[in-house]
Amino acid sequence: MLLEESPVFKRTFVPWYDTTAVCILTILFLDGVFLFSAAGVSVARMSPVFYHHIWVPVLLMVASGGLMVSIIFRLIRRYIDRLRR
């Protein structure tokens, strides 16, 4: 007969790529990508030659902004879960 383990006393395992420090470093990197793409949008808007390629920095802005918001929500949820314990 197998012993049943109670999950109440187990700590949740957090992989290395989901630690708080790595999430903050990722947010900082994505902030740099966001600012770089904002500069790309401003350059593309100034020059009529590059105006048709404005979708590339806009896509980078949307992707990096969405990832930043997702990681920030994950960190907030983790912080709230730690407060509840």
PDB file of N, CA and C in Angstrom:
ATOM      1  N   MET A   1       0.833  -1.173   0.000  1.00  0.00           N
ATOM      2  CA  MET A   1       0.000   0.000   0.000  1.00  0.00           C
ATOM      3  C   MET A   1       0.890   1.253   0.000  1.00  0.00           C
ATOM      4  N   LEU A   2       0.598   2.179  -0.896  1.00  0.00           N
ATOM      5  CA  LEU A   2       1.391   3.388  -1.020  1.00  0.00           C
ATOM      6  C   LEU A   2       0.974   4.414   0.017  1.00  0.00           C
ATOM      7  N   LEU A   3       1.942   5.140   0.492  1.00  0.00           N
ATOM      8  CA  LEU A   3       1.661   6.212   1.443  1.00  0.00           C
ATOM      9  C   LEU A   3       1.203   7.456   0.686  1.00  0.00           C
ATOM     10  N   GLU A   4       0.188   8.082   1.184  1.00  0.00           N
ATOM     11  CA  GLU A   4      -0.287   9.312   0.572  1.00  0.00           C
ATOM     12  C   GLU A   4       0.448  10.489   1.196  1.00  0.00           C
ATOM     13  N   GLU A   5       1.001  11.300   0.351  1.00  0.00           N
ATOM     14  CA  GLU A   5       1.715  12.469   0.849  1.00  0.00           C
ATOM     15  C   GLU A   5       0.784  13.669   0.854  1.00  0.00           C
ATOM     16  N   SER A   6       0.805  14.394   1.929  1.00  0.00           N
ATOM     17  CA  SER A   6      -0.029  15.575   2.052  1.00  0.00           C
ATOM     18  C   SER A   6       0.685  16.770   1.421  1.00  0.00           C
ATOM     19  N   PRO A   7       0.056  17.445   0.457  1.00  0.00           N
ATOM     20  CA  PRO A   7       0.709  18.587  -0.188  1.00  0.00           C
ATOM     21  C   PRO A   7       0.720  19.841   0.676  1.00  0.00           C
ATOM     22  N   VAL A   8       0.127  19.781   1.875  1.00  0.00           N
ATOM     23  CA  VAL A   8       0.044  20.954   2.726  1.00  0.00           C
ATOM     24  C   VAL A   8       1.429  21.380   3.207  1.00  0.00           C
ATOM     25  N   PHE A   9       2.293  20.431   3.470  1.00  0.00           N
ATOM     26  CA  PHE A   9       3.588  20.735   4.055  1.00  0.00           C
ATOM     27  C   PHE A   9       4.699  20.879   3.023  1.00  0.00           C
ATOM     28  N   LYS A  10       4.386  20.771   1.761  1.00  0.00           N
ATOM     29  CA  LYS A  10       5.396  20.910   0.722  1.00  0.00           C
ATOM     30  C   LYS A  10       5.493  22.360   0.265  1.00  0.00           C
ATOM     31  N   ARG A  11       6.711  22.775   0.028  1.00  0.00           N
ATOM     32  CA  ARG A  11       6.913  24.102  -0.550  1.00  0.00           C
ATOM     33  C   ARG A  11       6.836  23.991  -2.064  1.00  0.00           C
ATOM     34  N   THR A  12       6.362  25.039  -2.698  1.00  0.00           N
ATOM     35  CA  THR A  12       6.292  25.019  -4.155  1.00  0.00           C
ATOM     36  C   THR A  12       7.691  25.205  -4.723  1.00  0.00           C
ATOM     37  N   PHE A  13       7.995  24.448  -5.754  1.00  0.00           N
ATOM     38  CA  PHE A  13       9.289  24.521  -6.404  1.00  0.00           C
ATOM     39  C   PHE A  13       9.217  25.566  -7.500  1.00  0.00           C
ATOM     40  N   VAL A  14      10.113  26.548  -7.445  1.00  0.00           N
ATOM     41  CA  VAL A  14      10.166  27.602  -8.448  1.00  0.00           C
ATOM     42  C   VAL A  14      11.400  27.361  -9.317  1.00  0.00           C
ATOM     43  N   PRO A  15      11.232  27.171 -10.623  1.00  0.00           N
ATOM     44  CA  PRO A  15      12.395  26.969 -11.496  1.00  0.00           C
ATOM     45  C   PRO A  15      13.292  28.209 -11.515  1.00  0.00           C
ATOM     46  N   TRP A  16      14.536  28.030 -11.911  1.00  0.00           N
ATOM     47  CA  TRP A  16      15.499  29.139 -11.886  1.00  0.00           C
ATOM     48  C   TRP A  16      15.077  30.277 -12.796  1.00  0.00           C
ATOM     49  N   TYR A  17      14.388  29.977 -13.886  1.00  0.00           N
ATOM     50  CA  TYR A  17      14.013  31.030 -14.828  1.00  0.00           C
ATOM     51  C   TYR A  17      12.764  31.778 -14.377  1.00  0.00           C
ATOM     52  N   ASP A  18      12.171  31.380 -13.256  1.00  0.00           N
ATOM     53  CA  ASP A  18      10.990  32.062 -12.740  1.00  0.00           C
ATOM     54  C   ASP A  18      11.252  32.677 -11.372  1.00  0.00           C
ATOM     55  N   THR A  19      12.521  32.841 -11.003  1.00  0.00           N
ATOM     56  CA  THR A  19      12.830  33.477  -9.733  1.00  0.00           C
ATOM     57  C   THR A  19      12.630  34.981  -9.851  1.00  0.00           C
ATOM     58  N   THR A  20      12.542  35.635  -8.719  1.00  0.00           N
ATOM     59  CA  THR A  20      12.283  37.073  -8.705  1.00  0.00           C
ATOM     60  C   THR A  20      13.419  37.847  -9.366  1.00  0.00           C
ATOM     61  N   ALA A  21      14.652  37.441  -9.096  1.00  0.00           N
ATOM     62  CA  ALA A  21      15.796  38.163  -9.665  1.00  0.00           C
ATOM     63  C   ALA A  21      15.814  38.056 -11.193  1.00  0.00           C
ATOM     64  N   VAL A  22      15.547  36.881 -11.713  1.00  0.00           N
ATOM     65  CA  VAL A  22      15.543  36.700 -13.170  1.00  0.00           C
ATOM     66  C   VAL A  22      14.374  37.457 -13.790  1.00  0.00           C
ATOM     67  N   CYS A  23      13.240  37.481 -13.115  1.00  0.00           N
ATOM     68  CA  CYS A  23      12.090  38.236 -13.630  1.00  0.00           C
ATOM     69  C   CYS A  23      12.395  39.738 -13.680  1.00  0.00           C
ATOM     70  N   ILE A  24      13.069  40.250 -12.661  1.00  0.00           N
ATOM     71  CA  ILE A  24      13.418  41.675 -12.650  1.00  0.00           C
ATOM     72  C   ILE A  24      14.438  41.983 -13.738  1.00  0.00           C
ATOM     73  N   LEU A  25      15.429  41.103 -13.930  1.00  0.00           N
ATOM     74  CA  LEU A  25      16.393  41.295 -15.013  1.00  0.00           C
ATOM     75  C   LEU A  25      15.704  41.249 -16.378  1.00  0.00           C
ATOM     76  N   THR A  26      14.739  40.374 -16.529  1.00  0.00           N
ATOM     77  CA  THR A  26      13.994  40.281 -17.784  1.00  0.00           C
ATOM     78  C   THR A  26      13.188  41.555 -18.021  1.00  0.00           C
ATOM     79  N   ILE A  27      12.584  42.090 -16.973  1.00  0.00           N
ATOM     80  CA  ILE A  27      11.831  43.345 -17.105  1.00  0.00           C
ATOM     81  C   ILE A  27      12.760  44.477 -17.515  1.00  0.00           C
ATOM     82  N   LEU A  28      13.950  44.532 -16.930  1.00  0.00           N
ATOM     83  CA  LEU A  28      14.906  45.580 -17.301  1.00  0.00           C
ATOM     84  C   LEU A  28      15.350  45.433 -18.761  1.00  0.00           C
ATOM     85  N   PHE A  29      15.599  44.201 -19.203  1.00  0.00           N
ATOM     86  CA  PHE A  29      15.969  43.973 -20.598  1.00  0.00           C
ATOM     87  C   PHE A  29      14.825  44.364 -21.528  1.00  0.00           C
ATOM     88  N   LEU A  30      13.600  43.983 -21.178  1.00  0.00           N
ATOM     89  CA  LEU A  30      12.448  44.322 -22.019  1.00  0.00           C
ATOM     90  C   LEU A  30      12.193  45.827 -22.040  1.00  0.00           C
ATOM     91  N   ASP A  31      12.533  46.509 -20.952  1.00  0.00           N
ATOM     92  CA  ASP A  31      12.416  47.962 -20.930  1.00  0.00           C
ATOM     93  C   ASP A  31      13.383  48.581 -21.929  1.00  0.00           C
ATOM     94  N   GLY A  32      14.582  48.034 -22.009  1.00  0.00           N
ATOM     95  CA  GLY A  32      15.541  48.502 -23.008  1.00  0.00           C
ATOM     96  C   GLY A  32      15.055  48.254 -24.423  1.00  0.00           C
ATOM     97  N   VAL A  33      14.456  47.085 -24.665  1.00  0.00           N
ATOM     98  CA  VAL A  33      13.903  46.776 -25.990  1.00  0.00           C
ATOM     99  C   VAL A  33      12.760  47.735 -26.319  1.00  0.00           C
ATOM    100  N   PHE A  34      11.928  48.038 -25.328  1.00  0.00           N
ATOM    101  CA  PHE A  34      10.814  48.959 -25.527  1.00  0.00           C
ATOM    102  C   PHE A  34      11.326  50.353 -25.901  1.00  0.00           C
ATOM    103  N   LEU A  35      12.346  50.835 -25.180  1.00  0.00           N
ATOM    104  CA  LEU A  35      12.890  52.162 -25.483  1.00  0.00           C
ATOM    105  C   LEU A  35      13.585  52.186 -26.844  1.00  0.00           C
ATOM    106  N   PHE A  36      14.282  51.104 -27.187  1.00  0.00           N
ATOM    107  CA  PHE A  36      14.928  51.004 -28.490  1.00  0.00           C
ATOM    108  C   PHE A  36      13.899  51.032 -29.614  1.00  0.00           C
ATOM    109  N   SER A  37      12.804  50.316 -29.426  1.00  0.00           N
ATOM    110  CA  SER A  37      11.774  50.312 -30.464  1.00  0.00           C
ATOM    111  C   SER A  37      11.037  51.648 -30.517  1.00  0.00           C
ATOM    112  N   ALA A  38      10.915  52.341 -29.389  1.00  0.00           N
ATOM    113  CA  ALA A  38      10.316  53.678 -29.426  1.00  0.00           C
ATOM    114  C   ALA A  38      11.195  54.637 -30.219  1.00  0.00           C
ATOM    115  N   ALA A  39      12.508  54.496 -30.078  1.00  0.00           N
ATOM    116  CA  ALA A  39      13.413  55.311 -30.892  1.00  0.00           C
ATOM    117  C   ALA A  39      13.275  54.938 -32.366  1.00  0.00           C
ATOM    118  N   GLY A  40      13.081  53.659 -32.646  1.00  0.00           N
ATOM    119  CA  GLY A  40      12.881  53.226 -34.031  1.00  0.00           C
ATOM    120  C   GLY A  40      11.609  53.786 -34.630  1.00  0.00           C
ATOM    121  N   VAL A  41      10.555  53.862 -33.841  1.00  0.00           N
ATOM    122  CA  VAL A  41       9.300  54.447 -34.324  1.00  0.00           C
ATOM    123  C   VAL A  41       9.497  55.924 -34.633  1.00  0.00           C
ATOM    124  N   SER A  42      10.205  56.639 -33.758  1.00  0.00           N
ATOM    125  CA  SER A  42      10.399  58.075 -33.998  1.00  0.00           C
ATOM    126  C   SER A  42      11.260  58.311 -35.240  1.00  0.00           C
ATOM    127  N   VAL A  43      12.270  57.484 -35.466  1.00  0.00           N
ATOM    128  CA  VAL A  43      13.091  57.627 -36.668  1.00  0.00           C
ATOM    129  C   VAL A  43      12.284  57.284 -37.915  1.00  0.00           C
ATOM    130  N   ALA A  44      11.471  56.234 -37.833  1.00  0.00           N
ATOM    131  CA  ALA A  44      10.666  55.831 -38.989  1.00  0.00           C
ATOM    132  C   ALA A  44       9.603  56.875 -39.321  1.00  0.00           C
ATOM    133  N   ARG A  45       9.108  57.577 -38.320  1.00  0.00           N
ATOM    134  CA  ARG A  45       8.111  58.616 -38.588  1.00  0.00           C
ATOM    135  C   ARG A  45       8.728  59.859 -39.202  1.00  0.00           C
ATOM    136  N   MET A  46      10.015  60.109 -38.912  1.00  0.00           N
ATOM    137  CA  MET A  46      10.678  61.304 -39.454  1.00  0.00           C
ATOM    138  C   MET A  46      11.081  61.128 -40.914  1.00  0.00           C
ATOM    139  N   SER A  47      11.438  59.929 -41.292  1.00  0.00           N
ATOM    140  CA  SER A  47      11.943  59.701 -42.644  1.00  0.00           C
ATOM    141  C   SER A  47      10.883  58.997 -43.490  1.00  0.00           C
ATOM    142  N   PRO A  48      10.503  59.577 -44.615  1.00  0.00           N
ATOM    143  CA  PRO A  48       9.493  58.938 -45.450  1.00  0.00           C
ATOM    144  C   PRO A  48       9.980  57.631 -46.087  1.00  0.00           C
ATOM    145  N   VAL A  49      11.288  57.441 -46.163  1.00  0.00           N
ATOM    146  CA  VAL A  49      11.828  56.213 -46.736  1.00  0.00           C
ATOM    147  C   VAL A  49      11.516  55.017 -45.841  1.00  0.00           C
ATOM    148  N   PHE A  50      11.563  55.238 -44.535  1.00  0.00           N
ATOM    149  CA  PHE A  50      11.366  54.152 -43.583  1.00  0.00           C
ATOM    150  C   PHE A  50       9.931  54.044 -43.060  1.00  0.00           C
ATOM    151  N   TYR A  51       9.040  54.909 -43.551  1.00  0.00           N
ATOM    152  CA  TYR A  51       7.681  54.928 -42.994  1.00  0.00           C
ATOM    153  C   TYR A  51       6.943  53.611 -43.222  1.00  0.00           C
ATOM    154  N   HIS A  52       7.222  52.921 -44.296  1.00  0.00           N
ATOM    155  CA  HIS A  52       6.539  51.657 -44.579  1.00  0.00           C
ATOM    156  C   HIS A  52       7.030  50.523 -43.685  1.00  0.00           C
ATOM    157  N   HIS A  53       8.146  50.721 -43.017  1.00  0.00           N
ATOM    158  CA  HIS A  53       8.700  49.698 -42.138  1.00  0.00           C
ATOM    159  C   HIS A  53       8.459  50.008 -40.665  1.00  0.00           C
ATOM    160  N   ILE A  54       7.520  50.879 -40.373  1.00  0.00           N
ATOM    161  CA  ILE A  54       7.248  51.261 -38.990  1.00  0.00           C
ATOM    162  C   ILE A  54       6.638  50.113 -38.191  1.00  0.00           C
ATOM    163  N   TRP A  55       6.106  49.112 -38.883  1.00  0.00           N
ATOM    164  CA  TRP A  55       5.469  47.985 -38.196  1.00  0.00           C
ATOM    165  C   TRP A  55       6.476  47.156 -37.405  1.00  0.00           C
ATOM    166  N   VAL A  56       7.743  47.169 -37.786  1.00  0.00           N
ATOM    167  CA  VAL A  56       8.748  46.363 -37.071  1.00  0.00           C
ATOM    168  C   VAL A  56       8.974  46.900 -35.655  1.00  0.00           C
ATOM    169  N   PRO A  57       9.286  48.204 -35.476  1.00  0.00           N
ATOM    170  CA  PRO A  57       9.444  48.673 -34.099  1.00  0.00           C
ATOM    171  C   PRO A  57       8.133  48.680 -33.310  1.00  0.00           C
ATOM    172  N   VAL A  58       7.009  48.861 -33.994  1.00  0.00           N
ATOM    173  CA  VAL A  58       5.726  48.806 -33.288  1.00  0.00           C
ATOM    174  C   VAL A  58       5.472  47.390 -32.771  1.00  0.00           C
ATOM    175  N   LEU A  59       5.796  46.394 -33.581  1.00  0.00           N
ATOM    176  CA  LEU A  59       5.654  45.004 -33.147  1.00  0.00           C
ATOM    177  C   LEU A  59       6.558  44.711 -31.957  1.00  0.00           C
ATOM    178  N   LEU A  60       7.788  45.230 -31.986  1.00  0.00           N
ATOM    179  CA  LEU A  60       8.690  45.066 -30.850  1.00  0.00           C
ATOM    180  C   LEU A  60       8.144  45.746 -29.596  1.00  0.00           C
ATOM    181  N   MET A  61       7.559  46.917 -29.766  1.00  0.00           N
ATOM    182  CA  MET A  61       6.986  47.625 -28.612  1.00  0.00           C
ATOM    183  C   MET A  61       5.832  46.848 -28.008  1.00  0.00           C
ATOM    184  N   VAL A  62       4.955  46.339 -28.850  1.00  0.00           N
ATOM    185  CA  VAL A  62       3.795  45.590 -28.354  1.00  0.00           C
ATOM    186  C   VAL A  62       4.241  44.306 -27.657  1.00  0.00           C
ATOM    187  N   ALA A  63       5.193  43.600 -28.264  1.00  0.00           N
ATOM    188  CA  ALA A  63       5.657  42.340 -27.680  1.00  0.00           C
ATOM    189  C   ALA A  63       6.374  42.568 -26.354  1.00  0.00           C
ATOM    190  N   SER A  64       7.280  43.532 -26.316  1.00  0.00           N
ATOM    191  CA  SER A  64       8.011  43.769 -25.068  1.00  0.00           C
ATOM    192  C   SER A  64       7.096  44.347 -23.994  1.00  0.00           C
ATOM    193  N   GLY A  65       6.171  45.205 -24.376  1.00  0.00           N
ATOM    194  CA  GLY A  65       5.225  45.740 -23.392  1.00  0.00           C
ATOM    195  C   GLY A  65       4.306  44.660 -22.832  1.00  0.00           C
ATOM    196  N   GLY A  66       3.828  43.772 -23.697  1.00  0.00           N
ATOM    197  CA  GLY A  66       2.975  42.676 -23.225  1.00  0.00           C
ATOM    198  C   GLY A  66       3.717  41.731 -22.302  1.00  0.00           C
ATOM    199  N   LEU A  67       4.955  41.414 -22.641  1.00  0.00           N
ATOM    200  CA  LEU A  67       5.742  40.542 -21.773  1.00  0.00           C
ATOM    201  C   LEU A  67       6.044  41.202 -20.432  1.00  0.00           C
ATOM    202  N   MET A  68       6.332  42.506 -20.451  1.00  0.00           N
ATOM    203  CA  MET A  68       6.585  43.212 -19.190  1.00  0.00           C
ATOM    204  C   MET A  68       5.351  43.187 -18.295  1.00  0.00           C
ATOM    205  N   VAL A  69       4.194  43.447 -18.868  1.00  0.00           N
ATOM    206  CA  VAL A  69       2.953  43.432 -18.080  1.00  0.00           C
ATOM    207  C   VAL A  69       2.690  42.036 -17.528  1.00  0.00           C
ATOM    208  N   SER A  70       2.930  41.008 -18.329  1.00  0.00           N
ATOM    209  CA  SER A  70       2.720  39.634 -17.883  1.00  0.00           C
ATOM    210  C   SER A  70       3.641  39.271 -16.720  1.00  0.00           C
ATOM    211  N   ILE A  71       4.904  39.652 -16.822  1.00  0.00           N
ATOM    212  CA  ILE A  71       5.852  39.334 -15.752  1.00  0.00           C
ATOM    213  C   ILE A  71       5.549  40.143 -14.496  1.00  0.00           C
ATOM    214  N   ILE A  72       5.137  41.392 -14.657  1.00  0.00           N
ATOM    215  CA  ILE A  72       4.780  42.212 -13.495  1.00  0.00           C
ATOM    216  C   ILE A  72       3.576  41.619 -12.778  1.00  0.00           C
ATOM    217  N   PHE A  73       2.556  41.170 -13.522  1.00  0.00           N
ATOM    218  CA  PHE A  73       1.407  40.523 -12.890  1.00  0.00           C
ATOM    219  C   PHE A  73       1.818  39.250 -12.162  1.00  0.00           C
ATOM    220  N   ARG A  74       2.748  38.484 -12.756  1.00  0.00           N
ATOM    221  CA  ARG A  74       3.233  37.268 -12.107  1.00  0.00           C
ATOM    222  C   ARG A  74       3.934  37.591 -10.793  1.00  0.00           C
ATOM    223  N   LEU A  75       4.763  38.646 -10.780  1.00  0.00           N
ATOM    224  CA  LEU A  75       5.462  39.027  -9.558  1.00  0.00           C
ATOM    225  C   LEU A  75       4.489  39.545  -8.499  1.00  0.00           C
ATOM    226  N   ILE A  76       3.487  40.297  -8.920  1.00  0.00           N
ATOM    227  CA  ILE A  76       2.491  40.798  -7.969  1.00  0.00           C
ATOM    228  C   ILE A  76       1.694  39.647  -7.366  1.00  0.00           C
ATOM    229  N   ARG A  77       1.286  38.700  -8.213  1.00  0.00           N
ATOM    230  CA  ARG A  77       0.539  37.542  -7.717  1.00  0.00           C
ATOM    231  C   ARG A  77       1.375  36.720  -6.740  1.00  0.00           C
ATOM    232  N   ARG A  78       2.670  36.549  -7.048  1.00  0.00           N
ATOM    233  CA  ARG A  78       3.559  35.808  -6.156  1.00  0.00           C
ATOM    234  C   ARG A  78       3.730  36.537  -4.825  1.00  0.00           C
ATOM    235  N   TYR A  79       3.837  37.875  -4.871  1.00  0.00           N
ATOM    236  CA  TYR A  79       3.979  38.665  -3.654  1.00  0.00           C
ATOM    237  C   TYR A  79       2.720  38.563  -2.789  1.00  0.00           C
ATOM    238  N   ILE A  80       1.554  38.613  -3.426  1.00  0.00           N
ATOM    239  CA  ILE A  80       0.298  38.491  -2.673  1.00  0.00           C
ATOM    240  C   ILE A  80       0.171  37.101  -2.057  1.00  0.00           C
ATOM    241  N   ASP A  81       0.571  36.071  -2.795  1.00  0.00           N
ATOM    242  CA  ASP A  81       0.528  34.702  -2.247  1.00  0.00           C
ATOM    243  C   ASP A  81       1.459  34.561  -1.040  1.00  0.00           C
ATOM    244  N   ARG A  82       2.608  35.228  -1.068  1.00  0.00           N
ATOM    245  CA  ARG A  82       3.524  35.159   0.086  1.00  0.00           C
ATOM    246  C   ARG A  82       2.946  35.900   1.280  1.00  0.00           C
ATOM    247  N   LEU A  83       2.213  36.968   1.051  1.00  0.00           N
ATOM    248  CA  LEU A  83       1.603  37.698   2.168  1.00  0.00           C
ATOM    249  C   LEU A  83       0.491  36.896   2.839  1.00  0.00           C
ATOM    250  N   ARG A  84      -0.201  36.080   2.062  1.00  0.00           N
ATOM    251  CA  ARG A  84      -1.302  35.298   2.603  1.00  0.00           C
ATOM    252  C   ARG A  84      -0.846  34.159   3.506  1.00  0.00           C
ATOM    253  N   ARG A  85       0.382  33.707   3.327  1.00  0.00           N
ATOM    254  CA  ARG A  85       0.870  32.583   4.146  1.00  0.00           C
ATOM    255  C   ARG A  85       1.221  32.977   5.509  1.00  0.00           C
TER     256      ARG A  85
END
